[in-house]
Protein backbone atom coordinates (compact mmCIF):
# COMPACT_ATOMS: atom_id res chain seq x y z
CA MET A 1 -23.31 34.19 5.72
CA VAL A 2 -20.63 32.86 8.06
CA ILE A 3 -19.54 29.22 7.82
CA ILE A 4 -17.97 27.69 10.93
CA GLY A 5 -15.68 24.77 10.10
CA GLY A 6 -13.14 24.36 7.31
CA GLY A 7 -13.49 20.66 6.58
CA ILE A 8 -14.86 19.26 3.34
CA THR A 9 -18.48 20.22 4.13
CA GLY A 10 -17.67 23.82 5.01
CA ALA A 11 -15.39 24.10 1.98
CA ASN A 12 -18.21 22.93 -0.30
CA VAL A 13 -20.72 25.32 1.27
CA LEU A 14 -18.24 28.17 0.70
CA TRP A 15 -17.75 27.11 -2.94
CA ASP A 16 -21.49 26.77 -3.59
CA ALA A 17 -22.45 30.05 -1.88
CA SER A 18 -19.65 31.97 -3.63
CA LEU A 19 -20.77 30.72 -7.06
CA ARG A 20 -24.34 31.79 -6.30
CA GLY A 21 -23.26 35.33 -5.45
CA TYR A 22 -23.55 35.39 -1.66
CA LYS A 23 -21.21 37.42 0.52
CA VAL A 24 -19.75 34.55 2.52
CA LEU A 25 -16.97 34.00 5.05
CA LEU A 26 -15.53 30.69 6.34
CA LEU A 27 -13.85 30.43 9.76
CA GLU A 28 -11.72 27.45 10.85
CA LYS A 29 -10.24 27.33 14.34
CA ASN A 30 -7.22 25.28 13.27
CA ASP A 31 -6.10 24.59 9.71
CA TYR A 32 -8.38 23.66 6.84
CA ALA A 33 -9.05 19.90 6.67
CA SER A 34 -7.25 19.30 9.97
CA GLY A 35 -10.12 17.40 11.63
CA THR A 36 -12.26 14.59 10.22
CA THR A 37 -11.34 15.47 6.62
CA GLN A 38 -7.69 14.47 7.07
CA ALA A 39 -8.73 11.15 8.59
CA THR A 40 -10.48 9.48 5.65
CA SER A 41 -9.48 6.25 3.92
CA LYS A 42 -8.62 8.49 0.94
CA LEU A 43 -11.45 7.02 -1.12
CA ILE A 44 -14.33 8.48 -3.12
CA HIS A 45 -16.84 5.64 -3.07
CA GLY A 46 -20.48 4.77 -3.42
CA GLY A 47 -20.63 2.77 -0.21
CA LEU A 48 -21.21 -0.78 -1.35
CA ARG A 49 -21.70 -1.96 2.23
CA TYR A 50 -24.59 0.48 2.76
CA LEU A 51 -26.68 -1.77 0.50
CA LYS A 52 -26.73 -4.23 3.39
CA ASN A 53 -28.65 -1.59 5.38
CA LEU A 54 -31.01 -1.05 2.41
CA GLU A 55 -29.81 2.55 2.11
CA PHE A 56 -30.37 2.66 -1.63
CA GLY A 57 -30.87 6.42 -1.69
CA LEU A 58 -27.54 7.07 0.05
CA VAL A 59 -25.71 4.71 -2.30
CA ARG A 60 -27.26 6.31 -5.38
CA GLU A 61 -26.41 9.80 -4.07
CA SER A 62 -22.82 8.69 -3.38
CA LEU A 63 -22.41 7.18 -6.84
CA ARG A 64 -23.81 10.31 -8.48
CA GLU A 65 -21.45 12.50 -6.44
CA ARG A 66 -18.52 10.20 -7.26
CA ARG A 67 -19.06 11.00 -10.95
CA ILE A 68 -19.46 14.73 -10.31
CA LEU A 69 -16.18 14.90 -8.37
CA ALA A 70 -14.45 13.16 -11.28
CA LYS A 71 -15.93 15.79 -13.59
CA ILE A 72 -15.05 18.92 -11.61
CA SER A 73 -11.72 17.74 -10.16
CA PRO A 74 -10.33 14.83 -12.24
CA HIS A 75 -6.81 15.48 -10.94
CA ALA A 76 -7.96 14.66 -7.39
CA VAL A 77 -9.23 11.13 -8.07
CA ARG A 78 -7.86 7.89 -9.55
CA THR A 79 -9.75 4.79 -10.65
CA LEU A 80 -9.02 2.02 -8.15
CA GLY A 81 -9.93 -1.66 -8.16
CA PHE A 82 -11.33 -3.30 -5.01
CA ILE A 83 -10.93 -7.04 -4.51
CA VAL A 84 -13.19 -8.97 -2.13
CA PRO A 85 -11.79 -12.49 -1.47
CA LEU A 86 -14.56 -15.06 -0.96
CA TYR A 87 -14.53 -18.30 0.96
CA SER A 88 -17.96 -19.82 0.30
CA HIS A 89 -20.34 -20.09 -2.63
CA THR A 90 -23.15 -18.67 -0.52
CA ALA A 91 -21.11 -15.51 0.06
CA ARG A 92 -20.37 -15.39 -3.67
CA TYR A 93 -24.07 -15.45 -4.62
CA ILE A 94 -24.97 -12.79 -2.04
CA LEU A 95 -22.17 -10.49 -3.19
CA LYS A 96 -23.07 -11.12 -6.83
CA ALA A 97 -26.52 -9.68 -6.13
CA GLY A 98 -24.93 -6.69 -4.40
CA MET A 99 -22.57 -6.14 -7.33
CA GLU A 100 -25.45 -6.16 -9.81
CA LEU A 101 -27.39 -3.62 -7.76
CA TYR A 102 -24.28 -1.43 -7.30
CA ASN A 103 -23.72 -1.55 -11.05
CA LEU A 104 -27.36 -0.64 -11.72
CA LEU A 105 -27.26 2.32 -9.33
CA SER A 106 -24.09 3.62 -11.06
CA TYR A 107 -25.61 3.47 -14.56
CA ASP A 108 -24.24 6.94 -15.45
CA ARG A 109 -20.80 6.45 -13.88
CA ASN A 110 -18.84 7.34 -17.04
CA SER A 111 -21.10 10.06 -18.35
CA ASP A 112 -19.39 13.35 -19.26
CA ILE A 113 -16.06 12.63 -17.54
CA SER A 114 -12.49 12.15 -18.78
CA HIS A 115 -11.75 8.66 -20.09
CA ASP A 116 -8.79 8.69 -17.67
CA ARG A 117 -11.32 8.32 -14.87
CA PHE A 118 -13.68 5.70 -16.35
CA ILE A 119 -15.11 3.14 -13.92
CA PRO A 120 -15.14 -0.40 -15.40
CA ARG A 121 -17.85 -2.96 -14.71
CA TYR A 122 -17.24 -5.43 -11.88
CA HIS A 123 -15.99 -8.95 -12.68
CA TRP A 124 -15.19 -12.29 -11.11
CA ASN A 125 -11.59 -13.37 -10.45
CA SER A 126 -10.93 -17.10 -10.48
CA LEU A 127 -8.93 -18.73 -7.69
CA ALA A 128 -5.73 -18.47 -9.74
CA GLU A 129 -6.40 -14.85 -10.67
CA THR A 130 -7.13 -13.97 -7.05
CA ILE A 131 -3.89 -15.54 -5.83
CA TYR A 132 -1.97 -13.72 -8.57
CA LYS A 133 -3.49 -10.35 -7.66
CA THR A 134 -3.45 -10.83 -3.88
CA PRO A 135 -0.66 -13.31 -3.05
CA SER A 136 -0.86 -12.44 0.65
CA ALA A 137 -4.56 -13.25 1.02
CA ASN A 138 -5.48 -16.23 3.18
CA ARG A 139 -5.83 -19.19 0.75
CA GLU A 140 -7.57 -21.64 3.07
CA ARG A 141 -11.02 -22.36 1.52
CA LEU A 142 -10.51 -19.42 -0.90
CA ILE A 143 -12.69 -19.87 -4.04
CA GLY A 144 -12.01 -16.59 -5.85
CA SER A 145 -12.95 -12.94 -5.58
CA TYR A 146 -15.14 -10.21 -6.97
CA GLN A 147 -13.46 -7.06 -8.22
CA TYR A 148 -15.26 -3.73 -8.54
CA TYR A 149 -14.12 -0.13 -8.91
CA ASP A 150 -14.38 3.20 -7.11
CA TYR A 151 -11.95 6.12 -6.81
CA ALA A 152 -8.90 6.82 -4.70
CA ASN A 153 -8.65 10.41 -3.45
CA ILE A 154 -4.88 10.90 -3.34
CA ASN A 155 -4.78 14.03 -1.17
CA PRO A 156 -8.20 14.85 0.37
CA GLU A 157 -6.67 17.61 2.49
CA ARG A 158 -5.39 19.47 -0.57
CA HIS A 159 -8.64 18.70 -2.42
CA THR A 160 -10.53 20.41 0.40
CA SER A 161 -8.29 23.48 0.33
CA GLU A 162 -8.80 23.65 -3.45
CA PHE A 163 -12.54 24.08 -2.92
CA ILE A 164 -11.67 26.97 -0.61
CA SER A 165 -9.13 28.50 -3.02
CA SER A 166 -11.61 28.17 -5.88
CA ALA A 167 -14.26 29.95 -3.80
CA LYS A 168 -11.84 32.76 -2.95
CA GLU A 169 -11.28 33.29 -6.68
CA ARG A 170 -15.05 33.85 -6.94
CA GLY A 171 -15.28 36.37 -4.09
CA GLY A 172 -15.61 34.10 -1.05
CA GLN A 173 -13.45 34.68 2.03
CA ALA A 174 -11.82 32.15 4.35
CA PHE A 175 -9.51 32.26 7.35
CA ASN A 176 -7.80 29.40 9.13
CA TYR A 177 -6.72 29.68 12.78
CA ALA A 178 -9.80 31.82 13.44
CA GLU A 179 -11.68 30.42 16.45
CA VAL A 180 -15.30 31.30 17.14
CA LYS A 181 -15.67 32.30 20.80
CA PHE A 182 -19.29 33.42 20.96
CA ILE A 183 -22.43 33.60 18.79
CA ARG A 184 -25.14 36.07 19.83
CA LYS A 185 -28.52 36.50 18.24
CA GLN A 186 -29.39 40.10 17.40
CA ASN A 187 -32.75 41.51 18.47
CA LYS A 188 -34.18 41.99 15.00
CA ALA A 189 -32.36 39.48 12.78
CA GLY A 190 -28.92 38.01 12.23
CA TYR A 191 -26.02 37.21 14.51
CA ILE A 192 -22.91 38.73 16.07
CA ILE A 193 -19.94 36.36 16.06
CA GLY A 194 -16.86 36.84 18.20
CA VAL A 195 -13.65 35.48 16.67
CA HIS A 196 -10.20 34.98 18.17
CA ASP A 197 -7.44 35.31 15.56
CA LYS A 198 -4.92 32.72 16.73
CA VAL A 199 -2.21 34.14 14.44
CA THR A 200 -2.30 37.75 15.63
CA GLY A 201 -3.98 37.21 18.99
CA LYS A 202 -6.61 39.85 18.17
CA GLU A 203 -10.34 39.61 18.88
CA LYS A 204 -12.83 40.49 16.14
CA THR A 205 -16.60 40.67 15.77
CA ILE A 206 -18.57 39.85 12.63
CA LEU A 207 -22.18 40.62 11.75
CA CYS A 208 -24.06 38.18 9.53
CA LYS A 209 -27.58 37.23 8.50
CA THR A 210 -27.05 33.46 8.55
CA VAL A 211 -24.73 31.01 10.30
CA VAL A 212 -23.76 27.63 8.86
CA ASN A 213 -22.43 25.21 11.45
CA SER A 214 -20.27 22.69 9.58
CA ALA A 215 -17.93 21.85 12.45
CA GLY A 216 -18.27 18.07 12.09
CA PRO A 217 -17.55 16.33 15.41
CA TRP A 218 -17.56 19.76 17.08
CA ALA A 219 -20.98 20.73 15.68
CA ASP A 220 -22.82 20.19 18.96
CA LEU A 221 -20.24 22.36 20.77
CA ILE A 222 -20.89 25.20 18.29
CA GLU A 223 -24.62 24.81 18.89
CA SER A 224 -23.98 25.06 22.63
CA ILE A 225 -21.97 28.28 22.15
CA ALA A 226 -24.95 29.76 20.32
CA GLY A 227 -27.44 28.48 22.91
CA VAL A 228 -29.19 26.14 20.48
CA THR A 229 -30.84 23.09 22.00
CA GLN A 230 -29.87 20.08 19.94
CA GLU A 231 -32.80 18.27 18.38
CA LYS A 232 -30.68 15.27 17.40
CA LYS A 233 -27.73 13.88 19.30
CA LEU A 234 -24.35 13.72 17.59
CA VAL A 235 -22.39 10.50 18.04
CA ARG A 236 -18.64 10.47 17.45
CA SER A 237 -16.99 7.46 15.88
CA LYS A 238 -13.21 7.06 16.15
CA GLY A 239 -11.33 5.85 13.10
CA ILE A 240 -7.59 5.37 12.72
CA HIS A 241 -5.33 4.43 9.80
CA ALA A 242 -1.67 3.52 9.41
CA VAL A 243 0.60 4.10 6.43
CA VAL A 244 2.99 1.15 6.12
CA ARG A 245 5.43 -0.34 3.64
CA ASN A 246 3.88 -1.57 0.41
CA ILE A 247 2.17 -4.91 1.13
CA CYS A 248 -0.36 -5.02 -1.72
CA SER A 249 -0.36 -4.66 -5.48
CA LYS A 250 -2.43 -2.22 -7.55
CA GLU A 251 -5.83 -3.04 -6.07
CA CYS A 252 -7.41 -2.40 -2.70
CA ILE A 253 -8.08 -5.60 -0.75
CA ILE A 254 -11.17 -5.78 1.47
CA LEU A 255 -10.77 -8.09 4.46
CA GLN A 256 -13.15 -9.12 7.22
CA LYS A 257 -12.12 -8.46 10.81
CA LYS A 258 -12.86 -10.67 13.77
CA ASP A 259 -15.86 -8.54 14.76
CA GLY A 260 -17.40 -8.83 11.27
CA SER A 261 -16.56 -5.29 10.17
CA HIS A 262 -14.30 -4.67 7.19
CA LEU A 263 -10.66 -3.68 6.85
CA PHE A 264 -9.13 -2.00 3.81
CA VAL A 265 -5.60 -2.61 2.54
CA ILE A 266 -5.20 0.30 0.14
CA PRO A 267 -2.36 0.95 -2.33
CA TRP A 268 -1.41 4.61 -2.02
CA ARG A 269 1.60 6.56 -3.31
CA ASN A 270 3.94 3.52 -3.31
CA LYS A 271 2.89 2.75 0.26
CA THR A 272 -0.11 0.95 1.79
CA ILE A 273 -2.84 2.42 3.97
CA ILE A 274 -4.51 0.02 6.40
CA GLY A 275 -7.72 0.89 8.19
CA THR A 276 -10.07 1.73 9.49
CA THR A 277 -11.29 1.26 13.03
CA ASP A 278 -14.83 2.26 13.96
CA THR A 279 -15.47 2.65 17.67
CA LYS A 280 -17.68 4.97 19.70
CA TYR A 281 -15.83 7.97 21.14
CA GLU A 282 -17.34 9.68 24.18
CA GLU A 283 -14.48 11.89 25.34
CA ASP A 284 -13.76 15.56 24.58
CA PRO A 285 -13.11 15.84 20.80
CA ASN A 286 -10.43 18.44 21.54
CA ARG A 287 -8.41 15.77 23.38
CA PHE A 288 -8.41 13.23 20.57
CA THR A 289 -5.26 11.08 20.31
CA VAL A 290 -4.18 7.88 18.59
CA LYS A 291 -2.69 5.37 21.02
CA GLU A 292 0.05 2.84 20.37
CA SER A 293 -2.26 0.02 21.51
CA GLU A 294 -4.79 0.99 18.84
CA ILE A 295 -2.14 0.90 16.11
CA LEU A 296 -0.98 -2.51 17.39
CA ASP A 297 -4.56 -3.83 17.28
CA LEU A 298 -4.85 -2.62 13.68
CA LEU A 299 -1.58 -4.32 12.71
CA GLU A 300 -2.72 -7.53 14.40
CA GLU A 301 -5.96 -7.54 12.39
CA VAL A 302 -4.04 -7.16 9.13
CA ASN A 303 -1.50 -9.83 10.05
CA ARG A 304 -4.31 -12.22 10.98
CA SER A 305 -6.40 -11.56 7.87
CA PHE A 306 -3.75 -10.97 5.27
CA GLY A 307 -1.73 -14.14 5.18
CA PHE A 308 1.98 -13.52 4.86
CA SER A 309 2.14 -9.94 6.15
CA THR A 310 4.08 -9.54 9.41
CA LEU A 311 3.72 -5.86 10.16
CA THR A 312 5.24 -4.35 13.29
CA LEU A 313 5.41 -0.81 14.66
CA LYS A 314 8.67 -0.35 12.75
CA ASP A 315 6.68 -0.66 9.51
CA VAL A 316 4.41 2.28 10.41
CA ASP A 317 5.71 5.28 8.46
CA TYR A 318 2.81 7.53 9.38
CA TYR A 319 -0.52 7.25 11.16
CA TYR A 320 -3.62 9.39 11.39
CA GLY A 321 -7.00 9.32 13.02
CA GLY A 322 -10.14 11.34 13.44
CA LEU A 323 -13.75 11.43 14.54
CA ARG A 324 -16.69 10.79 12.26
CA PRO A 325 -19.82 12.76 13.15
CA LEU A 326 -22.85 10.46 13.05
CA VAL A 327 -26.46 11.44 13.72
CA GLU A 328 -27.91 9.15 16.38
CA ASP A 329 -30.91 7.06 15.45
CA PRO A 330 -32.62 5.58 18.54
CA THR A 331 -33.62 2.50 16.54
CA GLU A 332 -30.01 1.62 15.65
CA LYS A 333 -27.56 -0.51 17.62
CA SER A 334 -25.05 1.19 19.87
CA GLU A 335 -22.02 0.26 17.73
CA THR A 336 -21.06 2.78 15.08
CA TYR A 337 -19.90 0.57 12.20
CA SER A 338 -23.47 -0.07 11.02
CA ALA A 339 -24.66 3.47 11.74
CA SER A 340 -25.88 5.41 8.73
CA ARG A 341 -23.60 7.91 7.00
CA LYS A 342 -26.58 9.95 5.81
CA SER A 343 -26.51 13.67 6.45
CA GLU A 344 -28.97 15.86 8.31
CA ILE A 345 -29.49 19.59 7.67
CA MET A 346 -31.08 21.40 10.59
CA HIS A 347 -32.59 24.91 10.55
CA TYR A 348 -33.25 26.03 14.11
CA ALA A 349 -35.87 28.67 13.27
CA GLY A 350 -38.46 26.77 15.30
CA GLU A 351 -36.17 26.86 18.34
CA GLY A 352 -35.86 30.63 18.10
CA PHE A 353 -32.72 30.79 15.96
CA PRO A 354 -33.84 31.76 12.45
CA GLY A 355 -30.96 31.66 9.99
CA PHE A 356 -28.89 29.24 12.09
CA PHE A 357 -28.20 26.04 10.09
CA SER A 358 -26.27 22.92 11.03
CA ALA A 359 -24.96 20.24 8.68
CA LEU A 360 -24.71 17.01 10.66
CA GLY A 361 -23.33 13.60 9.69
CA GLY A 362 -22.58 12.83 6.07
CA LYS A 363 -19.37 11.71 4.40
CA TYR A 364 -16.67 13.14 2.18
CA THR A 365 -18.09 11.78 -1.08
CA THR A 366 -21.51 13.40 -0.62
CA SER A 367 -20.31 16.75 0.77
CA ARG A 368 -21.03 18.65 -2.45
CA SER A 369 -24.61 17.41 -2.48
CA VAL A 370 -25.06 18.30 1.21
CA ALA A 371 -23.78 21.82 0.49
CA GLU A 372 -26.20 22.21 -2.42
CA SER A 373 -29.17 21.20 -0.26
CA LEU A 374 -28.07 23.47 2.56
CA VAL A 375 -27.56 26.56 0.38
CA ASP A 376 -30.92 25.82 -1.28
CA GLN A 377 -32.51 26.12 2.16
CA ILE A 378 -30.65 29.36 2.83
CA ALA A 379 -31.88 30.70 -0.52
CA GLU A 380 -35.45 30.03 0.63
CA TYR A 381 -34.78 31.78 3.95
CA LEU A 382 -33.08 34.91 2.59
CA PRO A 383 -35.26 37.18 0.44
CA ASN A 384 -32.70 38.18 -2.21
CA MET A 385 -32.65 36.35 -5.53
CA VAL A 386 -29.43 34.44 -6.23
CA ARG A 387 -28.13 32.24 -9.00
CA PRO A 388 -29.00 28.52 -8.96
CA CYS A 389 -26.45 25.91 -7.88
CA SER A 390 -23.73 25.21 -10.45
CA THR A 391 -21.20 23.19 -8.43
CA HIS A 392 -22.13 20.03 -10.35
CA LEU A 393 -20.86 21.70 -13.53
CA GLU A 394 -18.14 24.20 -12.53
CA PRO A 395 -14.61 22.74 -12.33
CA LEU A 396 -12.28 23.61 -9.46
CA LEU A 397 -9.16 25.65 -10.23
CA GLY A 398 -7.25 22.57 -11.37
CA GLY A 399 -10.11 20.88 -13.20
CA HIS A 400 -10.06 22.80 -16.48
CA TYR A 401 -8.78 20.09 -18.82
CA ASP A 402 -10.16 17.21 -20.87
CA ASN A 403 -7.70 14.42 -20.13
CA LEU A 404 -4.20 13.93 -18.76
CA LYS A 405 -2.58 13.19 -22.11
CA THR A 406 -3.69 16.45 -23.75
CA LEU A 407 -2.83 18.37 -20.56
CA THR A 408 0.74 17.03 -20.36
CA SER A 409 1.22 17.58 -24.11
CA ALA A 410 0.16 21.21 -23.76
CA LEU A 411 2.47 21.66 -20.76
CA GLU A 412 5.41 20.15 -22.65
CA LYS A 413 4.84 22.56 -25.55
CA LYS A 414 4.64 25.57 -23.24
CA PHE A 415 7.49 24.62 -20.87
CA THR A 416 10.03 23.14 -23.28
CA LYS A 417 12.90 23.24 -20.76
CA ALA A 418 11.00 21.52 -17.96
CA ASP A 419 11.87 17.92 -17.08
CA GLY A 420 9.31 15.32 -18.20
CA LEU A 421 9.04 13.78 -14.72
CA LYS A 422 8.33 17.20 -13.22
CA ILE A 423 5.59 17.94 -15.75
CA GLU A 424 4.00 14.53 -15.21
CA GLN A 425 3.97 14.72 -11.40
CA ILE A 426 2.78 18.33 -11.21
CA ALA A 427 0.03 17.68 -13.80
CA ASN A 428 -1.11 14.64 -11.83
CA ARG A 429 -1.24 16.57 -8.57
CA TYR A 430 -2.64 19.92 -9.67
CA GLY A 431 -4.37 19.42 -13.01
CA SER A 432 -4.67 22.61 -15.04
CA LEU A 433 -3.13 24.61 -12.17
CA ALA A 434 0.15 23.18 -13.47
CA PHE A 435 0.25 26.01 -16.03
CA LYS A 436 0.44 28.55 -13.20
CA ILE A 437 2.80 26.48 -11.05
CA LEU A 438 5.37 25.77 -13.77
CA GLN A 439 5.73 29.50 -14.44
CA ASN A 440 7.50 29.78 -11.09
CA LYS A 441 11.27 29.74 -10.89
CA SER A 442 12.88 26.29 -10.60
CA GLY A 443 15.32 25.50 -7.81
CA ALA A 444 15.81 22.93 -5.08
CA ASN A 445 13.84 19.67 -5.34
CA PHE A 446 13.31 17.16 -2.53
CA GLN A 447 12.75 13.39 -2.75
CA LEU A 448 10.15 11.94 -0.41
CA SER A 449 10.33 8.66 1.47
CA ASN A 450 8.12 6.96 -1.16
CA GLY A 451 10.32 7.99 -4.10
CA GLU A 452 8.18 10.93 -5.25
CA TRP A 453 9.64 14.38 -5.69
CA ILE A 454 8.40 17.80 -4.64
CA PHE A 455 9.65 20.63 -6.80
CA GLU A 456 10.59 24.22 -6.08
CA GLU A 457 7.83 25.52 -8.34
CA GLU A 458 5.08 23.85 -6.29
CA ILE A 459 6.70 24.72 -2.95
CA PHE A 460 6.63 28.39 -3.91
CA HIS A 461 3.03 28.13 -5.16
CA ILE A 462 1.73 26.48 -1.99
CA LEU A 463 3.49 28.94 0.33
CA GLU A 464 2.31 31.87 -1.75
CA ASN A 465 -1.34 30.88 -2.28
CA ASP A 466 -2.55 28.31 0.24
CA ASP A 467 -2.80 30.10 3.62
CA ILE A 468 0.19 28.34 5.16
CA VAL A 469 0.66 29.39 8.80
CA SER A 470 2.59 26.43 10.20
CA ALA A 471 5.02 23.90 8.71
CA THR A 472 2.49 21.18 9.58
CA ASP A 473 0.00 22.90 7.24
CA PHE A 474 2.52 22.52 4.44
CA TYR A 475 3.75 19.00 5.27
CA PHE A 476 0.47 17.28 6.07
CA ARG A 477 -2.42 19.25 4.56
CA ARG A 478 -1.26 20.89 1.31
CA SER A 479 1.76 19.21 -0.25
CA GLY A 480 1.47 15.77 1.36
CA VAL A 481 5.27 15.55 1.69
CA GLY A 482 4.99 14.29 5.26
CA THR A 483 2.06 11.90 4.98
CA VAL A 484 4.10 9.11 3.35
CA GLY A 485 6.66 9.15 6.18
CA ALA A 486 9.42 11.35 7.51
CA LEU A 487 11.84 12.94 5.07
CA ASP A 488 15.55 12.25 5.18
CA PRO A 489 16.82 14.42 8.11
CA LYS A 490 19.14 16.44 5.89
CA ASP A 491 16.42 17.10 3.29
CA ASN A 492 13.98 17.90 6.08
CA LEU A 493 16.24 20.64 7.44
CA LEU A 494 16.76 22.07 3.96
CA LEU A 495 13.03 22.06 3.24
CA LEU A 496 12.22 23.74 6.56
CA ALA A 497 14.86 26.38 5.81
CA ARG A 498 13.26 26.92 2.41
CA ILE A 499 9.81 27.39 4.00
CA ALA A 500 11.24 29.65 6.71
CA LYS A 501 12.85 31.92 4.13
CA GLN A 502 9.63 32.55 2.21
CA LEU A 503 7.52 32.97 5.36
CA SER A 504 10.15 35.13 7.14
CA TRP A 505 10.60 32.91 10.18
CA ASP A 506 13.56 33.43 12.52
CA LYS A 507 15.68 30.58 13.90
CA LYS A 508 13.55 30.20 17.02
CA ARG A 509 10.33 29.90 15.02
CA THR A 510 11.92 27.48 12.55
CA ALA A 511 13.13 25.23 15.40
CA LEU A 512 9.60 25.22 16.89
CA GLU A 513 8.07 24.30 13.53
CA ALA A 514 10.60 21.46 13.11
CA LYS A 515 9.57 20.10 16.51
CA LEU A 516 5.86 20.23 15.60
CA VAL A 517 6.51 18.30 12.38
CA ALA A 518 8.53 15.64 14.22
CA GLN A 519 5.76 15.17 16.78
CA ARG A 520 3.37 13.97 14.06
CA TYR A 521 5.35 10.72 13.82
CA ILE A 522 5.02 9.95 17.53
CA TRP A 523 1.92 8.20 18.87
CA ALA A 524 0.55 8.31 22.39
CA LYS A 525 1.58 5.51 24.72
CA GLY A 526 -1.13 3.35 26.19
């Protein structure tokens, strides 16, 4: 099978199909996780607000998948508290009911996972406790807050690429910068796919029995290339986030915006993420940009809702945005905030395209489950017997450890000369992959704008193993060195030189890559 789209859904389909024994190839026209997947709020959550829409099945699925992700990739998630300030007793009673239901639906939340990743039960914070935990929250009529727990996903882009790397270890294949130009149905069965290799400039053709369209906001465009008539319309929702100076403590604060939707103030890597917006996007997805006016609107909402914060554009260290693919329901309102995040799996056999599947909608947290359902359908379509799904049990490359304490202890025994800070940070980022990474030669280390360090051993590993084509792949979608803000100019030049040396870039190419990195900190005017 050929999978089109290297976001979190495509990565999970590749992982699932590889484990089952299929011959499978993933194609991504840009870099892995460079579309919707890089534009999340960096959370793995059950979707408490979906209870308002009575989507109990979606919430239960999300909570089940939250636990599974903690089991197979504990290094990718962190337990995070969420505080909801309340300003009326009516709101308190309503939320109390929601909290009880959320707790009931997550009855197995701590089953068979590391105690490092346990999810505590929700609780009530008194007025004094709320002010202590969220000193910037608006105190007028404040009565207290509820606090519940989900997960933070520290680096969803790297997490996505780890699904791909894990699949490649099991026989799957994947290529970034491989753009699908045409899809033609063969007379008897299967498809011919034309691919443009953006790295070499060469054109290639691929024969396959099945096609999986997991292109997210571009899914309808892929269907058009193939000649498939869409049964359900895809709606694109625009969401943007800003990474700013640290304005909150250890918990995520949930605020209400003027339009009634919610805003998250999320502690992340010694910085704060604020977001997200949720507006309908009807333009060409290939022309997506984040505008200065949109960032200013986001800052204004936080300043209005979050008491003492006075954020300006100078406080924005990094920004990102993307398009959420939503499946249109004619009975729903036109605004996208309340639209369902449920997924749809389409098989277009009835339209004359047997073996052509599309995964529409969905969200990051449930992507593994969507992949399982999709590959189950492919298994019914293809005659050959394959192994059953095992992605709910099989750890990713970095997930082979019981808990962080025993992992770091084992690393310290094996790498006696390694610095304790290095072992701790690499273990936190890569889990059991740290054993492979720390075998690399030590060398230059670079401090990031948030105080973290990136070490020579992991730089070498990423460049050697993670399909790095451009410096932006390294900065923003594998290492995360650039997503907390720009590096010191001197360190930035040294790091680019280090990357250029291993990837054999000349001075002209290195200068171009430096320019592309710098452009990621500039937003569109307007």
